[in-house]
């Protein structure tokens, strides 16, 4: 997918705690679990029109973030979004989920 640099937004999420941190990506509902000291990057891609982040009521906000004990929910407001490690490798849904074989 060819995307202009100006239409890409990134949000770094770091777990500075001592337990796993659940990162939920909305509107997909996918869960990604960060180990202590780990950082993930949430990506979203805007459209080329005058309102690239159309998922929000404000045209210049690519993300909305909600923090609760043990979890962070990030809602991306572009037309596509995903989670990666700091090197850009996509992290799949269920990564490191407790009780799951995925790591």
N, C-alpha and C. Protein backbone atom coordinates (compact mmCIF):
# COMPACT_ATOMS: atom_id res chain seq x y z
N UNK A 1 0.86 -1.17 0.00
CA UNK A 1 0.00 0.00 0.00
C UNK A 1 0.90 1.23 0.00
N UNK A 2 0.75 2.09 -0.96
CA UNK A 2 1.51 3.34 -1.02
C UNK A 2 0.76 4.41 -0.25
N UNK A 3 1.42 4.94 0.75
CA UNK A 3 0.79 5.95 1.60
C UNK A 3 1.76 7.11 1.75
N UNK A 4 1.28 8.33 1.59
CA UNK A 4 2.11 9.49 1.81
C UNK A 4 2.49 9.56 3.27
N UNK A 5 3.72 9.97 3.57
CA UNK A 5 4.21 10.03 4.94
C UNK A 5 3.30 10.88 5.83
N UNK A 6 2.76 11.97 5.30
CA UNK A 6 1.91 12.86 6.10
C UNK A 6 0.62 12.18 6.53
N UNK A 7 0.24 11.10 5.90
CA UNK A 7 -1.02 10.44 6.21
C UNK A 7 -0.84 9.21 7.10
N UNK A 8 0.33 9.06 7.68
CA UNK A 8 0.61 7.95 8.57
C UNK A 8 0.81 8.51 9.98
N UNK A 9 0.12 7.92 10.94
CA UNK A 9 0.31 8.32 12.34
C UNK A 9 0.74 7.10 13.14
N UNK A 10 1.65 7.34 14.08
CA UNK A 10 2.17 6.28 14.94
C UNK A 10 2.01 6.69 16.39
N UNK A 11 1.70 5.72 17.23
CA UNK A 11 1.59 5.95 18.67
C UNK A 11 2.36 4.84 19.37
N UNK A 12 3.40 5.23 20.11
CA UNK A 12 4.20 4.26 20.86
C UNK A 12 3.53 3.99 22.20
N UNK A 13 3.43 2.70 22.56
CA UNK A 13 2.87 2.28 23.84
C UNK A 13 3.94 1.46 24.54
N UNK A 14 4.37 1.91 25.73
CA UNK A 14 5.43 1.24 26.48
C UNK A 14 4.89 0.71 27.79
N UNK A 15 5.29 -0.49 28.15
CA UNK A 15 4.90 -1.07 29.42
C UNK A 15 6.02 -0.84 30.43
N UNK A 16 5.84 0.13 31.31
CA UNK A 16 6.84 0.39 32.34
C UNK A 16 6.50 -0.30 33.66
N UNK A 17 5.47 -1.14 33.63
CA UNK A 17 5.07 -1.88 34.83
C UNK A 17 5.84 -3.17 35.00
N UNK A 18 5.39 -3.98 35.96
CA UNK A 18 6.05 -5.25 36.27
C UNK A 18 5.23 -6.45 35.84
N UNK A 19 4.05 -6.22 35.28
CA UNK A 19 3.15 -7.28 34.82
C UNK A 19 2.87 -7.10 33.33
N UNK A 20 2.28 -8.11 32.70
CA UNK A 20 1.83 -7.96 31.32
C UNK A 20 0.84 -6.81 31.21
N UNK A 21 0.88 -6.09 30.11
CA UNK A 21 -0.06 -5.00 29.84
C UNK A 21 -0.85 -5.36 28.59
N UNK A 22 -2.17 -5.34 28.71
CA UNK A 22 -3.05 -5.66 27.58
C UNK A 22 -3.27 -4.40 26.76
N UNK A 23 -2.98 -4.49 25.47
CA UNK A 23 -3.24 -3.41 24.52
C UNK A 23 -4.36 -3.88 23.61
N UNK A 24 -5.47 -3.16 23.60
CA UNK A 24 -6.61 -3.49 22.75
C UNK A 24 -6.67 -2.46 21.64
N UNK A 25 -6.75 -2.93 20.41
CA UNK A 25 -6.85 -2.05 19.24
C UNK A 25 -8.29 -2.04 18.74
N UNK A 26 -8.90 -0.88 18.79
CA UNK A 26 -10.28 -0.71 18.34
C UNK A 26 -10.30 0.11 17.05
N UNK A 27 -11.24 -0.10 16.16
CA UNK A 27 -12.47 -0.86 16.31
C UNK A 27 -12.33 -2.35 16.01
N UNK A 28 -11.12 -2.87 15.87
CA UNK A 28 -10.93 -4.28 15.54
C UNK A 28 -11.17 -5.21 16.73
N UNK A 29 -10.92 -4.72 17.95
CA UNK A 29 -11.07 -5.56 19.13
C UNK A 29 -9.92 -6.53 19.31
N UNK A 30 -8.80 -6.32 18.62
CA UNK A 30 -7.67 -7.24 18.74
C UNK A 30 -6.87 -6.93 20.01
N UNK A 31 -6.35 -8.00 20.64
CA UNK A 31 -5.57 -7.83 21.86
C UNK A 31 -4.13 -8.23 21.62
N UNK A 32 -3.22 -7.46 22.22
CA UNK A 32 -1.78 -7.63 22.08
C UNK A 32 -1.19 -7.36 23.46
N UNK A 33 -0.37 -8.27 23.97
CA UNK A 33 0.09 -8.19 25.35
C UNK A 33 1.57 -7.83 25.39
N UNK A 34 1.88 -6.75 26.10
CA UNK A 34 3.26 -6.27 26.22
C UNK A 34 3.89 -6.79 27.50
N UNK A 35 5.10 -7.32 27.39
CA UNK A 35 5.87 -7.74 28.55
C UNK A 35 6.43 -6.48 29.23
N UNK A 36 6.80 -6.57 30.50
CA UNK A 36 7.43 -5.44 31.16
C UNK A 36 8.65 -4.95 30.36
N UNK A 37 8.74 -3.64 30.17
CA UNK A 37 9.85 -3.04 29.43
C UNK A 37 9.67 -3.04 27.92
N UNK A 38 8.63 -3.64 27.40
CA UNK A 38 8.40 -3.77 25.96
C UNK A 38 7.63 -2.56 25.42
N UNK A 39 7.90 -2.22 24.16
CA UNK A 39 7.21 -1.13 23.47
C UNK A 39 6.61 -1.65 22.18
N UNK A 40 5.35 -1.32 21.93
CA UNK A 40 4.68 -1.58 20.66
C UNK A 40 4.36 -0.24 20.01
N UNK A 41 4.09 -0.28 18.72
CA UNK A 41 3.71 0.91 17.98
C UNK A 41 2.36 0.65 17.32
N UNK A 42 1.41 1.57 17.54
CA UNK A 42 0.10 1.48 16.87
C UNK A 42 0.17 2.41 15.66
N UNK A 43 -0.20 1.89 14.51
CA UNK A 43 -0.17 2.63 13.24
C UNK A 43 -1.58 2.86 12.75
N UNK A 44 -1.81 3.99 12.11
CA UNK A 44 -3.05 4.21 11.38
C UNK A 44 -2.75 5.02 10.12
N UNK A 45 -3.56 4.83 9.11
CA UNK A 45 -3.37 5.48 7.83
C UNK A 45 -4.59 6.32 7.51
N UNK A 46 -4.38 7.59 7.23
CA UNK A 46 -5.47 8.49 6.91
C UNK A 46 -5.77 8.50 5.43
N UNK A 47 -6.87 9.14 5.09
CA UNK A 47 -7.24 9.27 3.68
C UNK A 47 -6.66 10.57 3.14
N UNK A 48 -6.68 10.71 1.84
CA UNK A 48 -6.08 11.88 1.19
C UNK A 48 -7.01 13.08 1.17
N UNK A 49 -8.22 12.94 1.66
CA UNK A 49 -9.14 14.07 1.64
C UNK A 49 -8.80 15.08 2.73
N UNK A 50 -9.58 16.10 2.89
CA UNK A 50 -9.31 17.14 3.87
C UNK A 50 -9.52 16.71 5.30
N UNK A 51 -10.05 15.52 5.53
CA UNK A 51 -10.31 14.99 6.87
C UNK A 51 -9.72 13.59 6.96
N UNK A 52 -8.41 13.48 7.06
CA UNK A 52 -7.78 12.15 6.98
C UNK A 52 -8.14 11.20 8.11
N UNK A 53 -8.48 11.71 9.28
CA UNK A 53 -8.80 10.86 10.42
C UNK A 53 -10.31 10.89 10.63
N UNK A 54 -11.03 10.29 9.75
CA UNK A 54 -12.48 10.41 9.70
C UNK A 54 -13.20 9.64 10.80
N UNK A 55 -12.51 8.84 11.59
CA UNK A 55 -13.16 8.07 12.63
C UNK A 55 -13.47 8.85 13.89
N UNK A 56 -13.13 10.13 13.92
CA UNK A 56 -13.36 10.94 15.10
C UNK A 56 -14.17 12.18 14.75
N UNK A 57 -14.71 12.84 15.74
CA UNK A 57 -15.47 14.07 15.48
C UNK A 57 -14.55 15.24 15.18
N UNK A 58 -13.27 15.12 15.51
CA UNK A 58 -12.29 16.16 15.22
C UNK A 58 -11.36 15.66 14.12
N UNK A 59 -11.11 16.48 13.12
CA UNK A 59 -10.36 16.04 11.95
C UNK A 59 -8.89 15.84 12.14
N UNK A 60 -8.32 16.23 13.28
CA UNK A 60 -6.87 16.15 13.45
C UNK A 60 -6.45 15.21 14.57
N UNK A 61 -7.25 14.22 14.90
CA UNK A 61 -6.92 13.29 15.97
C UNK A 61 -6.88 11.86 15.46
N UNK A 62 -5.69 11.33 15.18
CA UNK A 62 -5.60 9.98 14.64
C UNK A 62 -5.90 8.88 15.65
N UNK A 63 -5.79 9.18 16.97
CA UNK A 63 -6.00 8.15 17.99
C UNK A 63 -6.82 8.69 19.15
N UNK A 64 -7.51 7.77 19.80
CA UNK A 64 -8.13 8.03 21.11
C UNK A 64 -7.62 6.93 22.02
N UNK A 65 -7.21 7.29 23.25
CA UNK A 65 -6.59 6.34 24.16
C UNK A 65 -7.36 6.30 25.48
N UNK A 66 -7.60 5.08 25.97
CA UNK A 66 -8.26 4.89 27.26
C UNK A 66 -7.39 3.95 28.09
N UNK A 67 -6.99 4.38 29.28
CA UNK A 67 -6.17 3.56 30.16
C UNK A 67 -6.98 3.08 31.35
N UNK A 68 -6.84 1.81 31.64
CA UNK A 68 -7.43 1.20 32.84
C UNK A 68 -6.32 0.39 33.50
N UNK A 69 -6.45 0.05 34.77
CA UNK A 69 -5.41 -0.78 35.38
C UNK A 69 -5.19 -2.07 34.58
N UNK A 70 -3.97 -2.28 34.14
CA UNK A 70 -3.62 -3.50 33.41
C UNK A 70 -3.93 -3.49 31.93
N UNK A 71 -4.54 -2.40 31.41
CA UNK A 71 -4.86 -2.39 29.97
C UNK A 71 -4.90 -0.97 29.41
N UNK A 72 -4.61 -0.90 28.13
CA UNK A 72 -4.71 0.34 27.37
C UNK A 72 -5.51 0.01 26.11
N UNK A 73 -6.53 0.82 25.83
CA UNK A 73 -7.29 0.67 24.60
C UNK A 73 -6.98 1.84 23.69
N UNK A 74 -6.58 1.54 22.45
CA UNK A 74 -6.29 2.57 21.46
C UNK A 74 -7.27 2.40 20.31
N UNK A 75 -8.02 3.45 20.04
CA UNK A 75 -8.94 3.46 18.90
C UNK A 75 -8.27 4.27 17.80
N UNK A 76 -8.02 3.61 16.66
CA UNK A 76 -7.42 4.35 15.54
C UNK A 76 -8.53 4.96 14.70
N UNK A 77 -8.30 6.16 14.21
CA UNK A 77 -9.32 6.91 13.48
C UNK A 77 -9.04 7.03 11.99
N UNK A 78 -8.10 6.28 11.48
CA UNK A 78 -7.85 6.23 10.05
C UNK A 78 -8.65 5.11 9.41
N UNK A 79 -8.36 4.83 8.15
CA UNK A 79 -9.11 3.78 7.46
C UNK A 79 -8.50 2.40 7.66
N UNK A 80 -7.30 2.32 8.26
CA UNK A 80 -6.64 1.05 8.54
C UNK A 80 -5.72 1.25 9.73
N UNK A 81 -5.51 0.22 10.53
CA UNK A 81 -4.60 0.31 11.65
C UNK A 81 -4.07 -1.05 12.02
N UNK A 82 -2.90 -1.07 12.64
CA UNK A 82 -2.32 -2.31 13.13
C UNK A 82 -1.29 -2.01 14.21
N UNK A 83 -0.78 -3.07 14.85
CA UNK A 83 0.21 -2.97 15.92
C UNK A 83 1.50 -3.63 15.44
N UNK A 84 2.64 -2.98 15.75
CA UNK A 84 3.95 -3.55 15.39
C UNK A 84 4.89 -3.45 16.58
N UNK A 85 6.06 -4.10 16.43
CA UNK A 85 7.13 -3.86 17.39
C UNK A 85 7.86 -2.59 16.95
N UNK A 86 8.90 -2.19 17.65
CA UNK A 86 9.58 -0.93 17.31
C UNK A 86 10.34 -1.01 15.99
N UNK A 87 10.56 -2.23 15.48
CA UNK A 87 11.23 -2.40 14.19
C UNK A 87 10.26 -2.45 13.02
N UNK A 88 8.94 -2.33 13.30
CA UNK A 88 7.93 -2.33 12.25
C UNK A 88 7.35 -3.68 11.91
N UNK A 89 7.72 -4.73 12.64
CA UNK A 89 7.17 -6.07 12.40
C UNK A 89 5.79 -6.16 13.04
N UNK A 90 4.80 -6.52 12.24
CA UNK A 90 3.42 -6.58 12.73
C UNK A 90 3.28 -7.60 13.85
N UNK A 91 2.54 -7.23 14.90
CA UNK A 91 2.24 -8.09 16.03
C UNK A 91 0.81 -8.59 15.87
N UNK A 92 0.63 -9.90 15.84
CA UNK A 92 -0.69 -10.49 15.62
C UNK A 92 -1.57 -10.42 16.85
N UNK A 93 -2.87 -10.45 16.62
CA UNK A 93 -3.85 -10.52 17.69
C UNK A 93 -3.56 -11.75 18.54
N UNK A 94 -3.64 -11.60 19.86
CA UNK A 94 -3.40 -12.70 20.76
C UNK A 94 -1.95 -12.87 21.17
N UNK A 95 -1.07 -12.02 20.66
CA UNK A 95 0.35 -12.10 20.99
C UNK A 95 0.56 -12.07 22.50
N UNK A 96 1.14 -13.11 23.03
CA UNK A 96 1.48 -13.24 24.45
C UNK A 96 0.25 -13.24 25.37
N UNK A 97 -0.92 -13.53 24.83
CA UNK A 97 -2.15 -13.58 25.64
C UNK A 97 -2.01 -14.65 26.72
N UNK A 98 -2.31 -14.30 27.98
CA UNK A 98 -2.22 -15.32 29.04
C UNK A 98 -3.09 -16.53 28.72
N UNK A 99 -2.55 -17.71 28.95
CA UNK A 99 -3.28 -18.94 28.70
C UNK A 99 -3.29 -19.35 27.24
N UNK A 100 -2.58 -18.61 26.39
CA UNK A 100 -2.54 -18.90 24.95
C UNK A 100 -1.15 -19.42 24.60
N UNK A 101 -1.08 -20.21 23.54
CA UNK A 101 0.20 -20.72 23.06
C UNK A 101 0.94 -19.68 22.22
N UNK A 102 0.27 -18.58 21.85
CA UNK A 102 0.90 -17.55 21.00
C UNK A 102 1.89 -16.74 21.82
N UNK A 103 3.07 -16.49 21.24
CA UNK A 103 4.07 -15.62 21.87
C UNK A 103 4.68 -14.69 20.85
